[in-house]
Amino acid sequence: MPVLVVETAAPSGVARALEGAGYAVDRLTGSDAVDQAAARMGGPQQPSAVIFDGAVASQAIEQLKQRAHGHVPLVVVGATDAAGRAAALRAGADDSVGQFVEPGELVARVEAHLRTARAFVKATAPVMPAAERAGARIGMRRVKEEFQRAERYKEPLSLMIAAADGKLSAAQRPAWLVEVAAHLERVVRAQDLMVREADDDLMVLLPNTHFVGSLSIAERALREIGGRELPVPTGGSVRCELWIGAACFPGRDIVSADDLLRMARSALERARREDAGRVCIYQYQGYIYQPM
C-alpha cells in the first residue's frame, strides 16, 4: 500500500521527497484531509504509513492510531518547537520532526519505521494457536535479540507484560485474547514488538525506552483497554480487567535477557496482587502505579 501524506498546511516537500526515493504516495489536502485519512484506517485502503506534513491535533493522532489495523507508522513533520514534537509523541505518533528536516533524513526515518512494521508482521503473532504453544520459544528469542542489541549500543530497553482477564469460559478465552491483543497493538508504537511464549500473557518489547517511557505506554494501555467491553465469539462482550508489569534495562540485578523477563514477570505478579488497573514497573525497585 502507498504512503499517505496528509498536508495540513502549505506543502513543505514531504511528498516530493518520498516520491523521489521511489515510494508510491497518496496525498490528501483540504480541510477534511484528516477525516479522510481516518476513514482509510482499518480498511482495504489503509496505507503502509501516514505522514502529516504540517501541525496536527493530538486528538487526530489518537483517532488514527485507534482505527488502524496492526502497526501503521505515523510521522508528524512540521512541529515548530520541542513542546510540539513531544505532544505528538505523547498522543501516539511514532516520530515527530521539525519543518526543516533534510529530505534524506526524513526518507531514512520513514524507511526505518516501515522496516520495523514489516518485521513485526513477519516475526510476531498476537496469539499463537494452542497446538503451537508448547514448543514455541519465539518470545524468548526476540527478548534475547533485543537485549543483546541494547547492550551493544548502550541503549535502554523495557519489557512490558500485560495480563488480561474477564468473566468468560476457558473455551471463549483464546478468541477473546485475540481482541485484547489487537487493541494492545493499536496502543503501542510501531517500533515496539509484541511477542509470545507458552502462556496467555501479552509481552511487548519497548526498544530504546526507559522507566518514564514504559510507564507512559503502560498508562495508555490501561486507559484504552482496561475496563473496555470486548466481544466474545459466542456473542455479547466481556469487560477486560488488565494488569501490567514491566522491567527496564539498565537496572539493578538486570544483566541478561533472562533477568529482564524474570523482573517483568515479578512486577506483573505484584501488580496482580492489587486490584485491576495497576502497573508495577521494576527498575531499581518495584513501583506500583494506578492511573487516575
C-alpha atoms as a PDB file:
ATOM      1  CA  MET A   1       0.000   0.000   0.000  1.00  0.00           C
ATOM      2  CA  PRO A   2       1.193   3.563  -0.621  1.00  0.00           C
ATOM      3  CA  VAL A   3       2.450   6.016   1.951  1.00  0.00           C
ATOM      4  CA  LEU A   4      -0.250   8.558   2.783  1.00  0.00           C
ATOM      5  CA  VAL A   5       0.850  12.199   3.081  1.00  0.00           C
ATOM      6  CA  VAL A   6      -1.720  14.399   4.815  1.00  0.00           C
ATOM      7  CA  GLU A   7      -0.990  18.048   4.065  1.00  0.00           C
ATOM      8  CA  THR A   8      -2.449  20.189   6.851  1.00  0.00           C
ATOM      9  CA  ALA A   9      -0.505  23.298   5.797  1.00  0.00           C
ATOM     10  CA  ALA A  10       1.334  24.583   2.735  1.00  0.00           C
ATOM     11  CA  PRO A  11       3.299  21.563   1.385  1.00  0.00           C
ATOM     12  CA  SER A  12       6.908  21.505   2.588  1.00  0.00           C
ATOM     13  CA  GLY A  13       8.185  18.908   0.129  1.00  0.00           C
ATOM     14  CA  VAL A  14       7.431  15.737   2.124  1.00  0.00           C
ATOM     15  CA  ALA A  15       5.524  14.058  -0.709  1.00  0.00           C
ATOM     16  CA  ARG A  16       8.165  15.072  -3.254  1.00  0.00           C
ATOM     17  CA  ALA A  17      10.976  13.651  -1.105  1.00  0.00           C
ATOM     18  CA  LEU A  18       9.221  10.302  -0.707  1.00  0.00           C
ATOM     19  CA  GLU A  19       8.340  10.099  -4.392  1.00  0.00           C
ATOM     20  CA  GLY A  20      11.958  10.882  -5.242  1.00  0.00           C
ATOM     21  CA  ALA A  21      13.002   7.901  -3.113  1.00  0.00           C
ATOM     22  CA  GLY A  22      10.715   5.625  -5.106  1.00  0.00           C
ATOM     23  CA  TYR A  23       7.714   5.417  -2.776  1.00  0.00           C
ATOM     24  CA  ALA A  24       4.155   5.327  -4.051  1.00  0.00           C
ATOM     25  CA  VAL A  25       2.490   8.313  -2.393  1.00  0.00           C
ATOM     26  CA  ASP A  26      -1.129   9.311  -1.931  1.00  0.00           C
ATOM     27  CA  ARG A  27      -1.778  12.928  -0.935  1.00  0.00           C
ATOM     28  CA  LEU A  28      -4.717  14.361   0.979  1.00  0.00           C
ATOM     29  CA  THR A  29      -5.263  18.102   1.206  1.00  0.00           C
ATOM     30  CA  GLY A  30      -8.006  20.432   2.323  1.00  0.00           C
ATOM     31  CA  SER A  31      -9.983  20.987   5.489  1.00  0.00           C
ATOM     32  CA  ASP A  32     -11.235  17.393   5.637  1.00  0.00           C
ATOM     33  CA  ALA A  33      -7.871  15.736   4.921  1.00  0.00           C
ATOM     34  CA  VAL A  34      -7.513  14.388   8.461  1.00  0.00           C
ATOM     35  CA  ASP A  35     -11.044  12.937   8.408  1.00  0.00           C
ATOM     36  CA  GLN A  36     -10.327  11.293   5.055  1.00  0.00           C
ATOM     37  CA  ALA A  37      -7.145   9.759   6.467  1.00  0.00           C
ATOM     38  CA  ALA A  38      -9.015   8.404   9.486  1.00  0.00           C
ATOM     39  CA  ALA A  39     -11.640   6.852   7.211  1.00  0.00           C
ATOM     40  CA  ARG A  40      -8.947   4.807   5.450  1.00  0.00           C
ATOM     41  CA  MET A  41      -7.571   3.264   8.628  1.00  0.00           C
ATOM     42  CA  GLY A  42      -8.531  -0.328   9.366  1.00  0.00           C
ATOM     43  CA  GLY A  43      -9.996  -0.922   5.893  1.00  0.00           C
ATOM     44  CA  PRO A  44      -8.821  -2.044   2.443  1.00  0.00           C
ATOM     45  CA  GLN A  45      -7.370   1.422   1.723  1.00  0.00           C
ATOM     46  CA  GLN A  46      -5.239   1.502   4.872  1.00  0.00           C
ATOM     47  CA  PRO A  47      -1.820   2.944   3.918  1.00  0.00           C
ATOM     48  CA  SER A  48       1.554   1.485   4.852  1.00  0.00           C
ATOM     49  CA  ALA A  49       2.379   4.707   6.752  1.00  0.00           C
ATOM     50  CA  VAL A  50       0.843   8.122   7.423  1.00  0.00           C
ATOM     51  CA  ILE A  51       2.953  11.292   7.248  1.00  0.00           C
ATOM     52  CA  PHE A  52       1.452  14.572   8.419  1.00  0.00           C
ATOM     53  CA  ASP A  53       3.003  17.467   6.522  1.00  0.00           C
ATOM     54  CA  GLY A  54       2.170  20.224   8.992  1.00  0.00           C
ATOM     55  CA  ALA A  55       0.870  20.506  12.533  1.00  0.00           C
ATOM     56  CA  VAL A  56      -1.927  18.173  13.613  1.00  0.00           C
ATOM     57  CA  ALA A  57      -4.078  17.969  16.737  1.00  0.00           C
ATOM     58  CA  SER A  58      -3.312  15.276  19.312  1.00  0.00           C
ATOM     59  CA  GLN A  59      -6.885  14.016  19.040  1.00  0.00           C
ATOM     60  CA  ALA A  60      -6.391  13.325  15.327  1.00  0.00           C
ATOM     61  CA  ILE A  61      -3.263  11.268  16.034  1.00  0.00           C
ATOM     62  CA  GLU A  62      -5.081   9.258  18.689  1.00  0.00           C
ATOM     63  CA  GLN A  63      -8.019   8.691  16.344  1.00  0.00           C
ATOM     64  CA  LEU A  64      -5.857   7.324  13.537  1.00  0.00           C
ATOM     65  CA  LYS A  65      -3.932   5.053  15.879  1.00  0.00           C
ATOM     66  CA  GLN A  66      -7.123   3.655  17.385  1.00  0.00           C
ATOM     67  CA  ARG A  67      -8.638   2.898  13.985  1.00  0.00           C
ATOM     68  CA  ALA A  68      -5.521   1.321  12.462  1.00  0.00           C
ATOM     69  CA  HIS A  69      -5.339  -2.414  11.982  1.00  0.00           C
ATOM     70  CA  GLY A  70      -1.916  -3.554  13.182  1.00  0.00           C
ATOM     71  CA  HIS A  71       1.078  -1.231  13.127  1.00  0.00           C
ATOM     72  CA  VAL A  72       0.831   1.729  10.779  1.00  0.00           C
ATOM     73  CA  PRO A  73       3.769   4.136  11.351  1.00  0.00           C
ATOM     74  CA  LEU A  74       2.619   7.712  11.892  1.00  0.00           C
ATOM     75  CA  VAL A  75       5.128  10.557  11.470  1.00  0.00           C
ATOM     76  CA  VAL A  76       4.497  14.264  12.065  1.00  0.00           C
ATOM     77  CA  VAL A  77       6.621  16.748  10.123  1.00  0.00           C
ATOM     78  CA  GLY A  78       6.467  20.426  10.931  1.00  0.00           C
ATOM     79  CA  ALA A  79       6.407  20.790  14.707  1.00  0.00           C
ATOM     80  CA  THR A  80       7.683  24.291  15.454  1.00  0.00           C
ATOM     81  CA  ASP A  81       9.268  23.529  18.829  1.00  0.00           C
ATOM     82  CA  ALA A  82      10.225  20.742  21.239  1.00  0.00           C
ATOM     83  CA  ALA A  83       6.914  21.005  23.089  1.00  0.00           C
ATOM     84  CA  GLY A  84       5.003  20.395  19.861  1.00  0.00           C
ATOM     85  CA  ARG A  85       7.120  17.375  18.996  1.00  0.00           C
ATOM     86  CA  ALA A  86       6.669  15.959  22.496  1.00  0.00           C
ATOM     87  CA  ALA A  87       2.886  16.448  22.334  1.00  0.00           C
ATOM     88  CA  ALA A  88       2.718  14.489  19.075  1.00  0.00           C
ATOM     89  CA  LEU A  89       4.743  11.627  20.558  1.00  0.00           C
ATOM     90  CA  ARG A  90       2.599  11.522  23.686  1.00  0.00           C
ATOM     91  CA  ALA A  91      -0.522  11.332  21.514  1.00  0.00           C
ATOM     92  CA  GLY A  92       0.830   8.188  19.846  1.00  0.00           C
ATOM     93  CA  ALA A  93       2.914   9.396  16.885  1.00  0.00           C
ATOM     94  CA  ASP A  94       5.845   7.119  16.124  1.00  0.00           C
ATOM     95  CA  ASP A  95       8.075  10.038  15.171  1.00  0.00           C
ATOM     96  CA  SER A  96       7.934  13.833  15.131  1.00  0.00           C
ATOM     97  CA  VAL A  97      10.425  16.167  13.462  1.00  0.00           C
ATOM     98  CA  GLY A  98      10.717  19.865  12.729  1.00  0.00           C
ATOM     99  CA  GLN A  99       9.669  21.503   9.492  1.00  0.00           C
ATOM    100  CA  PHE A 100      13.262  21.939   8.284  1.00  0.00           C
ATOM    101  CA  VAL A 101      14.237  18.255   8.380  1.00  0.00           C
ATOM    102  CA  GLU A 102      16.503  17.273   5.491  1.00  0.00           C
ATOM    103  CA  PRO A 103      14.750  15.158   2.807  1.00  0.00           C
ATOM    104  CA  GLY A 104      17.353  12.401   3.138  1.00  0.00           C
ATOM    105  CA  GLU A 105      16.846  12.162   6.889  1.00  0.00           C
ATOM    106  CA  LEU A 106      13.070  12.141   6.505  1.00  0.00           C
ATOM    107  CA  VAL A 107      13.210   9.292   3.988  1.00  0.00           C
ATOM    108  CA  ALA A 108      15.575   7.346   6.257  1.00  0.00           C
ATOM    109  CA  ARG A 109      13.199   7.772   9.217  1.00  0.00           C
ATOM    110  CA  VAL A 110      10.228   6.556   7.186  1.00  0.00           C
ATOM    111  CA  GLU A 111      12.247   3.597   5.894  1.00  0.00           C
ATOM    112  CA  ALA A 112      13.201   2.632   9.454  1.00  0.00           C
ATOM    113  CA  HIS A 113       9.586   2.729  10.649  1.00  0.00           C
ATOM    114  CA  LEU A 114       8.358   0.706   7.665  1.00  0.00           C
ATOM    115  CA  ARG A 115      11.142  -1.836   8.198  1.00  0.00           C
ATOM    116  CA  THR A 116      10.132  -2.275  11.821  1.00  0.00           C
ATOM    117  CA  ALA A 117       6.457  -2.617  10.871  1.00  0.00           C
ATOM    118  CA  ARG A 118       7.292  -5.338   8.337  1.00  0.00           C
ATOM    119  CA  ALA A 119       9.431  -7.172  10.870  1.00  0.00           C
ATOM    120  CA  PHE A 120       6.574  -7.078  13.357  1.00  0.00           C
ATOM    121  CA  VAL A 121       4.132  -8.633  10.905  1.00  0.00           C
ATOM    122  CA  LYS A 122       6.623 -11.287   9.841  1.00  0.00           C
ATOM    123  CA  ALA A 123       8.070 -12.328  13.171  1.00  0.00           C
ATOM    124  CA  THR A 124       5.241 -11.997  15.695  1.00  0.00           C
ATOM    125  CA  ALA A 125       1.650 -13.012  16.191  1.00  0.00           C
ATOM    126  CA  PRO A 126      -0.756 -11.686  18.836  1.00  0.00           C
ATOM    127  CA  VAL A 127      -1.934 -15.120  19.956  1.00  0.00           C
ATOM    128  CA  MET A 128      -0.441 -18.462  18.945  1.00  0.00           C
ATOM    129  CA  PRO A 129      -2.759 -21.408  18.269  1.00  0.00           C
ATOM    130  CA  ALA A 130      -2.872 -23.719  21.278  1.00  0.00           C
ATOM    131  CA  ALA A 131      -1.242 -26.550  19.313  1.00  0.00           C
ATOM    132  CA  GLU A 132       1.863 -24.417  18.740  1.00  0.00           C
ATOM    133  CA  ARG A 133       2.345 -23.097  22.252  1.00  0.00           C
ATOM    134  CA  ALA A 134       4.150 -25.999  23.924  1.00  0.00           C
ATOM    135  CA  GLY A 135       7.295 -25.802  21.800  1.00  0.00           C
ATOM    136  CA  ALA A 136       7.226 -22.140  20.956  1.00  0.00           C
ATOM    137  CA  ARG A 137      10.223 -20.076  22.009  1.00  0.00           C
ATOM    138  CA  ILE A 138       9.692 -17.121  19.711  1.00  0.00           C
ATOM    139  CA  GLY A 139       9.092 -14.756  22.614  1.00  0.00           C
ATOM    140  CA  MET A 140      12.304 -15.507  24.483  1.00  0.00           C
ATOM    141  CA  ARG A 141      14.379 -15.466  21.319  1.00  0.00           C
ATOM    142  CA  ARG A 142      13.212 -11.957  20.498  1.00  0.00           C
ATOM    143  CA  VAL A 143      13.830 -10.794  24.062  1.00  0.00           C
ATOM    144  CA  LYS A 144      17.407 -12.069  23.849  1.00  0.00           C
ATOM    145  CA  GLU A 145      17.985 -10.468  20.448  1.00  0.00           C
ATOM    146  CA  GLU A 146      16.741  -7.072  21.591  1.00  0.00           C
ATOM    147  CA  PHE A 147      18.659  -7.301  24.875  1.00  0.00           C
ATOM    148  CA  GLN A 148      21.915  -8.023  23.042  1.00  0.00           C
ATOM    149  CA  ARG A 149      21.260  -5.061  20.766  1.00  0.00           C
ATOM    150  CA  ALA A 150      20.579  -2.758  23.740  1.00  0.00           C
ATOM    151  CA  GLU A 151      23.811  -3.901  25.409  1.00  0.00           C
ATOM    152  CA  ARG A 152      25.836  -3.440  22.232  1.00  0.00           C
ATOM    153  CA  TYR A 153      24.623   0.082  21.534  1.00  0.00           C
ATOM    154  CA  LYS A 154      24.218   1.094  25.190  1.00  0.00           C
ATOM    155  CA  GLU A 155      20.523   1.875  24.744  1.00  0.00           C
ATOM    156  CA  PRO A 156      17.677   1.415  27.223  1.00  0.00           C
ATOM    157  CA  LEU A 157      15.219  -1.440  26.759  1.00  0.00           C
ATOM    158  CA  SER A 158      11.963  -2.169  28.571  1.00  0.00           C
ATOM    159  CA  LEU A 159       9.836  -5.303  28.602  1.00  0.00           C
ATOM    160  CA  MET A 160       6.133  -4.917  29.367  1.00  0.00           C
ATOM    161  CA  ILE A 161       3.855  -7.874  30.133  1.00  0.00           C
ATOM    162  CA  ALA A 162       0.090  -7.420  30.188  1.00  0.00           C
ATOM    163  CA  ALA A 163      -2.293  -9.911  31.784  1.00  0.00           C
ATOM    164  CA  ALA A 164      -5.966  -9.724  30.844  1.00  0.00           C
ATOM    165  CA  ASP A 165      -8.906 -11.422  32.496  1.00  0.00           C
ATOM    166  CA  GLY A 166     -12.681 -11.358  32.322  1.00  0.00           C
ATOM    167  CA  LYS A 167     -15.771 -13.354  33.179  1.00  0.00           C
ATOM    168  CA  LEU A 168     -15.610 -15.923  30.389  1.00  0.00           C
ATOM    169  CA  SER A 169     -15.173 -19.649  29.901  1.00  0.00           C
ATOM    170  CA  ALA A 170     -11.956 -21.447  29.014  1.00  0.00           C
ATOM    171  CA  ALA A 171     -13.339 -22.085  25.521  1.00  0.00           C
ATOM    172  CA  GLN A 172     -14.047 -18.397  24.957  1.00  0.00           C
ATOM    173  CA  ARG A 173     -10.714 -17.158  26.276  1.00  0.00           C
ATOM    174  CA  PRO A 174      -8.379 -17.754  23.263  1.00  0.00           C
ATOM    175  CA  ALA A 175     -10.538 -15.794  20.805  1.00  0.00           C
ATOM    176  CA  TRP A 176     -11.172 -13.089  23.392  1.00  0.00           C
ATOM    177  CA  LEU A 177      -7.420 -12.690  23.910  1.00  0.00           C
ATOM    178  CA  VAL A 178      -7.092 -12.039  20.179  1.00  0.00           C
ATOM    179  CA  GLU A 179      -9.318  -8.988  20.719  1.00  0.00           C
ATOM    180  CA  VAL A 180      -7.182  -7.865  23.666  1.00  0.00           C
ATOM    181  CA  ALA A 181      -4.008  -8.272  21.616  1.00  0.00           C
ATOM    182  CA  ALA A 182      -5.490  -6.348  18.677  1.00  0.00           C
ATOM    183  CA  HIS A 183      -6.344  -3.420  20.953  1.00  0.00           C
ATOM    184  CA  LEU A 184      -2.884  -3.527  22.531  1.00  0.00           C
ATOM    185  CA  GLU A 185      -1.314  -3.387  19.054  1.00  0.00           C
ATOM    186  CA  ARG A 186      -3.100  -0.093  18.458  1.00  0.00           C
ATOM    187  CA  VAL A 187      -1.781   1.363  21.718  1.00  0.00           C
ATOM    188  CA  VAL A 188       1.924   0.576  21.388  1.00  0.00           C
ATOM    189  CA  ARG A 189       4.263   2.270  18.911  1.00  0.00           C
ATOM    190  CA  ALA A 190       5.328   0.921  15.522  1.00  0.00           C
ATOM    191  CA  GLN A 191       8.829   0.088  16.775  1.00  0.00           C
ATOM    192  CA  ASP A 192       7.516  -1.925  19.727  1.00  0.00           C
ATOM    193  CA  LEU A 193       7.444  -5.715  19.304  1.00  0.00           C
ATOM    194  CA  MET A 194       4.597  -7.866  20.596  1.00  0.00           C
ATOM    195  CA  VAL A 195       5.844 -11.398  21.277  1.00  0.00           C
ATOM    196  CA  ARG A 196       4.508 -14.528  22.976  1.00  0.00           C
ATOM    197  CA  GLU A 197       5.614 -17.552  24.919  1.00  0.00           C
ATOM    198  CA  ALA A 198       3.639 -20.596  26.013  1.00  0.00           C
ATOM    199  CA  ASP A 199       1.070 -18.742  28.111  1.00  0.00           C
ATOM    200  CA  ASP A 200      -1.695 -16.190  27.797  1.00  0.00           C
ATOM    201  CA  ASP A 201       0.238 -13.077  28.781  1.00  0.00           C
ATOM    202  CA  LEU A 202       0.999 -10.456  26.139  1.00  0.00           C
ATOM    203  CA  MET A 203       4.649  -9.408  26.073  1.00  0.00           C
ATOM    204  CA  VAL A 204       5.734  -6.167  24.442  1.00  0.00           C
ATOM    205  CA  LEU A 205       9.378  -5.214  23.910  1.00  0.00           C
ATOM    206  CA  LEU A 206       9.937  -1.450  24.066  1.00  0.00           C
ATOM    207  CA  PRO A 207      13.255  -0.642  22.344  1.00  0.00           C
ATOM    208  CA  ASN A 208      15.143   2.485  23.380  1.00  0.00           C
ATOM    209  CA  THR A 209      12.641   3.044  26.200  1.00  0.00           C
ATOM    210  CA  HIS A 210      13.442   3.773  29.830  1.00  0.00           C
ATOM    211  CA  PHE A 211      11.346   3.886  33.018  1.00  0.00           C
ATOM    212  CA  VAL A 212       9.334   7.006  32.182  1.00  0.00           C
ATOM    213  CA  GLY A 213       8.618   5.895  28.618  1.00  0.00           C
ATOM    214  CA  SER A 214       7.433   2.443  29.681  1.00  0.00           C
ATOM    215  CA  LEU A 215       5.179   3.994  32.308  1.00  0.00           C
ATOM    216  CA  SER A 216       3.629   6.281  29.680  1.00  0.00           C
ATOM    217  CA  ILE A 217       2.874   3.354  27.337  1.00  0.00           C
ATOM    218  CA  ALA A 218       1.524   1.196  30.167  1.00  0.00           C
ATOM    219  CA  GLU A 219      -0.722   4.029  31.332  1.00  0.00           C
ATOM    220  CA  ARG A 220      -2.077   4.455  27.808  1.00  0.00           C
ATOM    221  CA  ALA A 221      -2.766   0.704  27.586  1.00  0.00           C
ATOM    222  CA  LEU A 222      -4.729   0.749  30.830  1.00  0.00           C
ATOM    223  CA  ARG A 223      -6.689   3.795  29.723  1.00  0.00           C
ATOM    224  CA  GLU A 224      -7.550   2.364  26.295  1.00  0.00           C
ATOM    225  CA  ILE A 225      -8.105  -1.315  27.174  1.00  0.00           C
ATOM    226  CA  GLY A 226      -8.741  -1.692  30.911  1.00  0.00           C
ATOM    227  CA  GLY A 227     -12.462  -1.712  31.601  1.00  0.00           C
ATOM    228  CA  ARG A 228     -13.368  -1.912  27.890  1.00  0.00           C
ATOM    229  CA  GLU A 229     -16.118  -4.305  26.790  1.00  0.00           C
ATOM    230  CA  LEU A 230     -14.549  -6.689  24.257  1.00  0.00           C
ATOM    231  CA  PRO A 231     -16.580  -9.097  22.080  1.00  0.00           C
ATOM    232  CA  VAL A 232     -16.604 -12.871  22.527  1.00  0.00           C
ATOM    233  CA  PRO A 233     -17.259 -15.289  19.621  1.00  0.00           C
ATOM    234  CA  THR A 234     -20.470 -16.666  21.127  1.00  0.00           C
ATOM    235  CA  GLY A 235     -21.976 -13.202  21.209  1.00  0.00           C
ATOM    236  CA  GLY A 236     -22.028 -10.342  23.639  1.00  0.00           C
ATOM    237  CA  SER A 237     -18.978  -8.819  25.265  1.00  0.00           C
ATOM    238  CA  VAL A 238     -16.878  -9.173  28.402  1.00  0.00           C
ATOM    239  CA  ARG A 239     -15.298  -6.396  30.446  1.00  0.00           C
ATOM    240  CA  CYS A 240     -11.493  -6.550  30.310  1.00  0.00           C
ATOM    241  CA  GLU A 241      -9.547  -6.401  33.540  1.00  0.00           C
ATOM    242  CA  LEU A 242      -5.894  -5.586  32.919  1.00  0.00           C
ATOM    243  CA  TRP A 243      -2.675  -5.673  34.921  1.00  0.00           C
ATOM    244  CA  ILE A 244       0.754  -4.696  33.604  1.00  0.00           C
ATOM    245  CA  GLY A 245       4.246  -5.474  34.811  1.00  0.00           C
ATOM    246  CA  ALA A 246       7.415  -4.078  33.282  1.00  0.00           C
ATOM    247  CA  ALA A 247      11.169  -4.107  33.803  1.00  0.00           C
ATOM    248  CA  CYS A 248      13.768  -1.717  32.446  1.00  0.00           C
ATOM    249  CA  PHE A 249      17.376  -2.151  31.367  1.00  0.00           C
ATOM    250  CA  PRO A 250      19.773  -0.894  32.588  1.00  0.00           C
ATOM    251  CA  GLY A 251      18.662  -1.653  36.104  1.00  0.00           C
ATOM    252  CA  ARG A 252      19.870  -3.230  39.275  1.00  0.00           C
ATOM    253  CA  ASP A 253      20.157  -7.029  39.036  1.00  0.00           C
ATOM    254  CA  ILE A 254      19.357  -6.992  35.287  1.00  0.00           C
ATOM    255  CA  VAL A 255      22.420  -8.226  33.406  1.00  0.00           C
ATOM    256  CA  SER A 256      20.784 -10.635  30.944  1.00  0.00           C
ATOM    257  CA  ALA A 257      17.613 -11.162  28.940  1.00  0.00           C
ATOM    258  CA  ASP A 258      16.542 -13.825  31.430  1.00  0.00           C
ATOM    259  CA  ASP A 259      16.839 -11.250  34.236  1.00  0.00           C
ATOM    260  CA  LEU A 260      14.732  -8.763  32.275  1.00  0.00           C
ATOM    261  CA  LEU A 261      11.983 -11.329  31.741  1.00  0.00           C
ATOM    262  CA  ARG A 262      12.149 -12.534  35.351  1.00  0.00           C
ATOM    263  CA  MET A 263      11.853  -8.993  36.721  1.00  0.00           C
ATOM    264  CA  ALA A 264       8.978  -8.151  34.366  1.00  0.00           C
ATOM    265  CA  ARG A 265       7.107 -11.269  35.459  1.00  0.00           C
ATOM    266  CA  SER A 266       7.797 -10.458  39.095  1.00  0.00           C
ATOM    267  CA  ALA A 267       6.417  -6.951  38.537  1.00  0.00           C
ATOM    268  CA  LEU A 268       3.309  -8.418  36.902  1.00  0.00           C
ATOM    269  CA  GLU A 269       2.790 -10.765  39.848  1.00  0.00           C
ATOM    270  CA  ARG A 270       2.967  -7.830  42.226  1.00  0.00           C
ATOM    271  CA  ALA A 271       0.527  -5.817  40.100  1.00  0.00           C
ATOM    272  CA  ARG A 272      -1.906  -8.745  40.123  1.00  0.00           C
ATOM    273  CA  ARG A 273      -1.920  -8.744  43.910  1.00  0.00           C
ATOM    274  CA  GLU A 274      -3.607  -5.351  43.622  1.00  0.00           C
ATOM    275  CA  ASP A 275      -6.964  -4.525  42.072  1.00  0.00           C
ATOM    276  CA  ALA A 276      -7.255  -4.499  38.282  1.00  0.00           C
ATOM    277  CA  GLY A 277      -5.871  -1.426  36.552  1.00  0.00           C
ATOM    278  CA  ARG A 278      -2.445  -1.429  38.213  1.00  0.00           C
ATOM    279  CA  VAL A 279       1.036  -1.108  36.742  1.00  0.00           C
ATOM    280  CA  CYS A 280       4.164  -2.323  38.505  1.00  0.00           C
ATOM    281  CA  ILE A 281       7.483  -1.303  36.936  1.00  0.00           C
ATOM    282  CA  TYR A 282      10.807  -2.652  38.182  1.00  0.00           C
ATOM    283  CA  GLN A 283      13.995  -0.716  37.586  1.00  0.00           C
ATOM    284  CA  TYR A 284      15.819  -0.277  40.871  1.00  0.00           C
ATOM    285  CA  GLN A 285      12.826  -1.337  42.944  1.00  0.00           C
ATOM    286  CA  GLY A 286       9.207  -2.194  42.328  1.00  0.00           C
ATOM    287  CA  TYR A 287       6.990   0.800  41.584  1.00  0.00           C
ATOM    288  CA  ILE A 288       3.197   0.462  41.699  1.00  0.00           C
ATOM    289  CA  TYR A 289       1.140   2.966  39.732  1.00  0.00           C
ATOM    290  CA  GLN A 290      -2.625   3.400  39.471  1.00  0.00           C
ATOM    291  CA  PRO A 291      -3.844   5.855  36.812  1.00  0.00           C
ATOM    292  CA  MET A 292      -6.292   8.498  37.954  1.00  0.00           C
END
